[in-house]
Amino acid sequence: MSSSVSGDGRRTLVYVHGRQCQPAPEALLDLMLSALTTGIERDYPENLPDFRSINKRLAYYGDHVNAFLQERGEHYDEQLDLGDCRNALQQLAALDKRKKFGLTSYDKLPGKSAVPELAADLAAPVLGSIGLGGKLIGKVVPELVEYWSKDGKFAKSLRSAVRAAICEALQSKEQLLLISHGTGNVIAWDVLWELTHDPAYEEFFDSKIDTWVSLGSPLGDSTVQSKLLGSRQKGRRKFPHNVVSWHNVAAEDDWLCHDNTLADDFKGMLRQKMVSAIRDYRIYNLSVRYGKSDPHCALGYLIHPRTTQIIVDWITRVDLEPPPKHIF
């Protein structure tokens, strides 16, 4: 399922959301765009019309995750969640200068603690030996464990939703910026690998995503890497080759990206000349959810000056026309 806002340009932004229960796609897309718009208006107001002109799509699989989690007995109050998201966004929007997104502001957040990240770091070797299907991760990210289940039905549903949004943009020959958050990065990777290597999607083998921005990504985790599509392959079949530039943004104390650098983990893509660049950035996520610091919150990632800069650089980039054929 996807929700979209059409623009008048030839560029498209596709956003893949992350874990836990999600509000309706229209509400989620509105929150995402509000965060991005606020950040661009704060740092690059002259480029706000450019941002508004691009097409925006939400790759939404929240209906499948919501159904799965609610079957497990998880209660989700959508109205309350949206209200708290709007309160969080309002606080973030009050930070009217880029320099306010630093350590000083982060240290003042209520309930800030590095314990979750430290616990993830300490548990990583153990989790690596028992797999992410263990009881601990099963309680924290049960939808990811289900995504990796043997029957594969849940995974196929989630990939289908993400793939549909990406392929629609690729079929339109639009320049594409892909932003994925949290566990949405796992699904995005698998879809990108399919669009590179699965014969069922041969028509997309030569298509490219200009820029991929991964936010709060768990792709640095060794257990996650062992379960990605292509992980058992060798050489060029191990990685997708449809991304030109990859920017990875990781927040301090975000336990889901406790291994916060990806350039070292995926240097094989550079060695095989399957991506032009992989860049890692460390930030402070100033989101406050339900009265407590939440360094994994998507809103804090999307409104951050680093994310804003990456997006504006992509929007304002001038692509050279291909040289006349007779030169060759």
Protein backbone atom coordinates (compact mmCIF):
# COMPACT_ATOMS: atom_id res chain seq x y z
CA MET A 1 0.00 0.00 0.00
CA SER A 2 1.26 3.50 -0.71
CA SER A 3 0.15 7.07 -0.16
CA SER A 4 1.50 9.91 -2.26
CA VAL A 5 1.64 13.64 -2.90
CA SER A 6 2.21 14.61 -6.52
CA GLY A 7 4.45 17.44 -7.55
CA ASP A 8 5.31 19.00 -10.87
CA GLY A 9 8.93 17.89 -11.00
CA ARG A 10 10.80 14.84 -12.33
CA ARG A 11 12.13 13.86 -8.93
CA THR A 12 10.51 11.51 -6.44
CA LEU A 13 11.12 10.86 -2.76
CA VAL A 14 10.05 7.45 -1.44
CA TYR A 15 9.89 6.98 2.33
CA VAL A 16 9.92 3.53 3.98
CA HIS A 17 8.75 3.65 7.59
CA GLY A 18 10.07 1.55 10.46
CA ARG A 19 8.92 -0.76 13.25
CA GLN A 20 5.96 -0.92 15.64
CA CYS A 21 2.30 -0.07 15.00
CA GLN A 22 1.75 2.77 12.56
CA PRO A 23 -1.07 5.27 11.99
CA ALA A 24 -3.04 5.34 8.73
CA PRO A 25 -0.85 6.01 5.67
CA GLU A 26 -2.23 9.50 5.01
CA ALA A 27 -1.51 10.58 8.60
CA LEU A 28 1.96 9.02 8.56
CA LEU A 29 2.85 10.69 5.25
CA ASP A 30 1.65 14.03 6.63
CA LEU A 31 3.90 13.68 9.70
CA MET A 32 6.89 12.71 7.57
CA LEU A 33 6.40 15.64 5.19
CA SER A 34 5.82 18.07 8.06
CA ALA A 35 9.15 17.08 9.62
CA LEU A 36 11.05 17.37 6.33
CA THR A 37 9.36 20.65 5.37
CA THR A 38 10.12 22.18 8.77
CA GLY A 39 13.78 21.24 8.50
CA ILE A 40 14.15 22.63 4.99
CA GLU A 41 12.30 25.83 5.88
CA ARG A 42 14.62 26.26 8.87
CA ASP A 43 17.93 25.69 7.04
CA TYR A 44 17.25 26.31 3.33
CA PRO A 45 14.09 28.43 3.00
CA GLU A 46 15.03 29.38 -0.55
CA ASN A 47 14.78 25.70 -1.54
CA LEU A 48 11.35 25.08 -0.04
CA PRO A 49 9.59 25.57 -3.42
CA ASP A 50 11.97 23.00 -4.93
CA PHE A 51 11.06 20.49 -2.23
CA ARG A 52 7.35 21.09 -2.68
CA SER A 53 7.67 20.47 -6.41
CA ILE A 54 8.92 16.90 -6.10
CA ASN A 55 6.70 13.82 -5.89
CA LYS A 56 6.52 12.11 -2.51
CA ARG A 57 5.50 8.51 -1.90
CA LEU A 58 5.09 6.52 1.29
CA ALA A 59 5.87 2.82 1.05
CA TYR A 60 3.38 1.67 3.66
CA TYR A 61 3.27 -1.81 5.14
CA GLY A 62 1.93 -0.72 8.52
CA ASP A 63 -1.37 -2.49 7.96
CA HIS A 64 0.41 -5.86 7.95
CA VAL A 65 2.55 -5.01 10.99
CA ASN A 66 -0.42 -3.61 12.90
CA ALA A 67 -2.45 -6.77 12.29
CA PHE A 68 0.45 -9.00 13.35
CA LEU A 69 1.19 -7.08 16.55
CA GLN A 70 -2.45 -6.75 17.53
CA GLU A 71 -2.92 -10.49 17.09
CA ARG A 72 -0.15 -10.85 19.66
CA GLY A 73 -2.16 -8.72 22.06
CA GLU A 74 -0.45 -5.35 21.57
CA HIS A 75 -2.77 -2.39 22.09
CA TYR A 76 -2.44 0.58 19.76
CA ASP A 77 -4.20 3.90 20.33
CA GLU A 78 -3.78 5.68 17.00
CA GLN A 79 -5.33 8.95 18.14
CA LEU A 80 -3.03 9.15 21.17
CA ASP A 81 0.01 8.18 19.11
CA LEU A 82 -0.67 10.85 16.51
CA GLY A 83 -1.19 13.43 19.24
CA ASP A 84 2.12 12.56 20.87
CA CYS A 85 3.88 12.64 17.47
CA ARG A 86 2.53 16.12 16.83
CA ASN A 87 3.67 17.27 20.27
CA ALA A 88 7.13 15.85 19.57
CA LEU A 89 7.25 17.58 16.20
CA GLN A 90 6.19 20.87 17.75
CA GLN A 91 9.08 20.70 20.22
CA LEU A 92 11.51 19.86 17.44
CA ALA A 93 10.22 22.71 15.28
CA ALA A 94 10.95 25.14 18.13
CA LEU A 95 14.67 24.46 17.59
CA ASP A 96 15.01 27.20 15.00
CA LYS A 97 18.76 26.97 14.34
CA ARG A 98 21.01 24.16 13.18
CA LYS A 99 23.46 24.67 16.03
CA LYS A 100 20.74 23.73 18.54
CA PHE A 101 20.84 20.09 17.36
CA GLY A 102 24.01 19.33 19.30
CA LEU A 103 25.14 17.65 22.49
CA THR A 104 24.14 20.53 24.77
CA SER A 105 20.48 20.25 23.76
CA TYR A 106 20.61 16.47 23.83
CA ASP A 107 21.94 16.35 27.39
CA LYS A 108 18.97 18.40 28.57
CA LEU A 109 16.33 15.96 27.30
CA PRO A 110 14.17 14.23 29.92
CA GLY A 111 14.92 10.58 30.59
CA LYS A 112 18.02 10.53 28.37
CA SER A 113 20.06 7.39 28.94
CA ALA A 114 22.72 5.44 27.08
CA VAL A 115 21.67 2.24 28.83
CA PRO A 116 19.58 0.87 25.90
CA GLU A 117 22.50 1.28 23.48
CA LEU A 118 24.97 -0.14 25.99
CA ALA A 119 22.71 -3.15 26.54
CA ALA A 120 22.53 -3.71 22.80
CA ASP A 121 26.31 -3.49 22.52
CA LEU A 122 26.85 -5.96 25.32
CA ALA A 123 24.18 -8.33 24.02
CA ALA A 124 25.36 -8.27 20.40
CA PRO A 125 27.82 -11.19 20.69
CA VAL A 126 25.19 -13.27 22.48
CA LEU A 127 22.48 -12.38 20.00
CA GLY A 128 24.88 -13.16 17.19
CA SER A 129 25.20 -16.70 18.48
CA ILE A 130 21.51 -17.41 19.07
CA GLY A 131 20.12 -15.33 16.21
CA LEU A 132 17.54 -12.55 16.23
CA GLY A 133 14.83 -15.14 16.73
CA GLY A 134 15.89 -15.36 20.38
CA LYS A 135 13.46 -14.43 23.15
CA LEU A 136 15.03 -11.03 23.84
CA ILE A 137 14.76 -9.67 20.31
CA GLY A 138 11.46 -11.48 19.86
CA LYS A 139 10.04 -9.28 22.61
CA VAL A 140 11.57 -6.04 21.35
CA VAL A 141 11.15 -6.40 17.57
CA PRO A 142 8.75 -9.33 17.07
CA GLU A 143 7.78 -8.18 13.58
CA LEU A 144 11.40 -8.55 12.44
CA VAL A 145 11.53 -12.09 13.77
CA GLU A 146 8.30 -12.83 11.91
CA TYR A 147 9.76 -11.23 8.78
CA TRP A 148 12.51 -13.86 8.91
CA SER A 149 10.16 -16.77 9.61
CA LYS A 150 10.47 -19.84 7.40
CA ASP A 151 7.07 -19.61 5.67
CA GLY A 152 8.00 -16.18 4.26
CA LYS A 153 4.40 -14.95 3.85
CA PHE A 154 4.84 -11.94 6.12
CA ALA A 155 8.11 -10.97 4.42
CA LYS A 156 6.55 -11.21 0.96
CA SER A 157 3.69 -8.92 2.00
CA LEU A 158 6.05 -6.30 3.39
CA ARG A 159 8.42 -6.42 0.43
CA SER A 160 5.52 -6.22 -2.00
CA ALA A 161 4.34 -2.94 -0.44
CA VAL A 162 7.81 -1.37 -0.53
CA ARG A 163 8.61 -2.70 -3.98
CA ALA A 164 5.41 -1.28 -5.44
CA ALA A 165 6.26 2.27 -4.36
CA ILE A 166 9.85 2.05 -5.62
CA CYS A 167 8.97 0.41 -8.93
CA GLU A 168 6.25 2.94 -9.68
CA ALA A 169 8.83 5.71 -9.44
CA LEU A 170 11.41 3.76 -11.47
CA GLN A 171 8.89 3.03 -14.22
CA SER A 172 8.23 6.75 -14.52
CA LYS A 173 11.95 7.30 -15.15
CA GLU A 174 12.01 9.77 -12.27
CA GLN A 175 15.15 10.58 -10.31
CA LEU A 176 14.67 8.78 -7.02
CA LEU A 177 15.63 9.55 -3.44
CA LEU A 178 14.93 6.64 -1.07
CA ILE A 179 14.66 7.29 2.68
CA SER A 180 14.19 4.34 5.03
CA HIS A 181 13.94 4.26 8.81
CA GLY A 182 14.77 1.56 11.34
CA THR A 183 13.75 -1.96 10.34
CA GLY A 184 12.41 -0.49 7.11
CA ASN A 185 16.06 -0.54 6.01
CA VAL A 186 16.04 -4.34 6.11
CA ILE A 187 13.01 -4.47 3.82
CA ALA A 188 14.46 -1.78 1.57
CA TRP A 189 17.72 -3.72 1.19
CA ASP A 190 15.88 -6.92 0.30
CA VAL A 191 13.77 -5.11 -2.30
CA LEU A 192 16.83 -3.43 -3.82
CA TRP A 193 18.53 -6.83 -4.03
CA GLU A 194 15.48 -8.35 -5.73
CA LEU A 195 15.37 -5.52 -8.26
CA THR A 196 19.01 -6.24 -9.05
CA HIS A 197 19.11 -10.05 -9.17
CA ASP A 198 15.65 -11.66 -9.23
CA PRO A 199 14.66 -12.61 -12.82
CA ALA A 200 11.05 -11.72 -11.98
CA TYR A 201 12.12 -8.04 -11.97
CA GLU A 202 14.49 -8.09 -14.93
CA GLU A 203 12.95 -4.91 -16.35
CA PHE A 204 14.48 -3.00 -13.40
CA PHE A 205 17.99 -4.48 -13.60
CA ASP A 206 19.39 -1.30 -15.16
CA SER A 207 17.37 1.17 -13.03
CA LYS A 208 19.11 3.32 -10.44
CA ILE A 209 18.23 5.00 -7.14
CA ASP A 210 20.16 8.28 -7.09
CA THR A 211 20.47 8.47 -3.32
CA TRP A 212 19.59 6.13 -0.45
CA VAL A 213 19.34 7.66 3.04
CA SER A 214 19.21 5.07 5.83
CA LEU A 215 18.11 6.41 9.22
CA GLY A 216 18.63 4.48 12.45
CA SER A 217 19.56 1.41 10.44
CA PRO A 218 20.26 -2.03 11.96
CA LEU A 219 22.15 -3.12 8.83
CA GLY A 220 25.45 -2.88 10.73
CA ASP A 221 24.41 -5.77 12.98
CA SER A 222 26.12 -9.04 12.02
CA THR A 223 23.00 -11.11 12.64
CA VAL A 224 20.89 -8.81 10.46
CA GLN A 225 23.51 -9.02 7.72
CA SER A 226 23.41 -12.82 7.82
CA LYS A 227 19.68 -12.75 7.03
CA LEU A 228 19.66 -10.21 4.21
CA LEU A 229 18.81 -11.38 0.72
CA GLY A 230 22.09 -12.12 -1.02
CA SER A 231 23.96 -12.82 2.22
CA ARG A 232 24.81 -16.37 1.11
CA GLN A 233 25.88 -15.29 -2.36
CA LYS A 234 29.38 -14.41 -3.51
CA GLY A 235 30.86 -11.63 -5.58
CA ARG A 236 28.49 -9.25 -7.29
CA ARG A 237 25.45 -11.37 -6.46
CA LYS A 238 25.89 -10.58 -2.78
CA PHE A 239 24.87 -6.91 -3.07
CA PRO A 240 22.35 -4.75 -4.94
CA HIS A 241 23.93 -2.51 -7.57
CA ASN A 242 21.08 -0.06 -8.12
CA VAL A 243 22.13 2.66 -5.63
CA VAL A 244 24.47 5.45 -6.73
CA SER A 245 25.10 7.11 -3.34
CA TRP A 246 24.30 5.80 0.15
CA HIS A 247 24.11 8.08 3.20
CA ASN A 248 23.71 6.45 6.60
CA VAL A 249 22.56 8.60 9.54
CA ALA A 250 22.82 7.12 13.05
CA ALA A 251 21.81 8.80 16.30
CA GLU A 252 23.67 8.63 19.58
CA ASP A 253 22.04 6.07 21.93
CA ASP A 254 19.78 4.64 19.23
CA TRP A 255 19.99 0.98 20.23
CA LEU A 256 18.68 -0.29 16.89
CA CYS A 257 21.77 1.06 15.12
CA HIS A 258 24.22 0.28 17.91
CA ASP A 259 26.72 -0.59 15.14
CA ASN A 260 26.42 2.85 13.62
CA THR A 261 28.80 2.69 10.65
CA LEU A 262 27.97 0.90 7.40
CA ALA A 263 30.83 1.94 5.12
CA ASP A 264 33.08 -0.64 6.77
CA ASP A 265 30.47 -3.41 6.66
CA PHE A 266 29.60 -2.91 3.00
CA LYS A 267 33.00 -1.93 1.59
CA GLY A 268 32.63 -4.91 -0.74
CA MET A 269 30.07 -2.86 -2.67
CA LEU A 270 32.71 -0.19 -3.26
CA ARG A 271 35.35 -2.75 -4.11
CA GLN A 272 33.01 -4.34 -6.65
CA LYS A 273 32.09 -0.87 -7.99
CA MET A 274 28.42 -1.43 -7.13
CA VAL A 275 27.94 1.93 -5.37
CA SER A 276 29.73 5.26 -5.78
CA ALA A 277 29.89 6.23 -2.11
CA ILE A 278 28.80 5.08 1.36
CA ARG A 279 28.94 7.85 3.95
CA ASP A 280 28.24 7.56 7.67
CA TYR A 281 27.04 10.41 9.89
CA ARG A 282 26.55 10.53 13.66
CA ILE A 283 23.87 12.85 15.03
CA TYR A 284 21.86 13.64 18.15
CA ASN A 285 18.17 12.86 17.83
CA LEU A 286 16.26 15.35 19.99
CA SER A 287 12.86 13.65 19.87
CA VAL A 288 10.83 13.36 23.06
CA ARG A 289 8.04 10.77 23.01
CA TYR A 290 5.64 10.41 25.93
CA GLY A 291 7.82 12.66 28.08
CA LYS A 292 11.09 10.78 27.49
CA SER A 293 14.01 11.02 25.09
CA ASP A 294 13.56 8.71 22.09
CA PRO A 295 16.73 8.67 19.97
CA HIS A 296 15.20 6.25 17.46
CA CYS A 297 12.14 8.38 16.63
CA ALA A 298 11.79 9.00 12.90
CA LEU A 299 10.70 12.61 13.39
CA GLY A 300 14.00 13.54 15.02
CA TYR A 301 15.91 11.96 12.16
CA LEU A 302 13.82 13.58 9.42
CA ILE A 303 13.98 17.11 10.84
CA HIS A 304 17.69 16.98 11.65
CA PRO A 305 20.02 19.39 9.77
CA ARG A 306 22.12 16.51 8.41
CA THR A 307 19.11 14.86 6.75
CA THR A 308 17.93 18.23 5.50
CA GLN A 309 21.30 18.93 3.89
CA ILE A 310 21.38 15.56 2.11
CA ILE A 311 17.89 16.12 0.70
CA VAL A 312 18.55 19.68 -0.46
CA ASP A 313 21.83 18.64 -2.07
CA TRP A 314 19.89 16.02 -4.02
CA ILE A 315 17.07 18.40 -4.99
CA THR A 316 19.39 21.15 -6.19
CA ARG A 317 21.91 18.94 -7.97
CA VAL A 318 22.14 19.75 -11.65
CA ASP A 319 22.66 16.64 -13.74
CA LEU A 320 24.70 17.11 -16.87
CA GLU A 321 23.12 16.12 -20.14
CA PRO A 322 24.86 13.13 -21.78
CA PRO A 323 27.50 14.20 -24.34
CA PRO A 324 26.65 13.96 -28.05
CA LYS A 325 27.21 10.48 -29.43
CA HIS A 326 29.54 11.71 -32.17
CA ILE A 327 32.18 12.58 -29.52
CA PHE A 328 32.78 8.86 -29.18
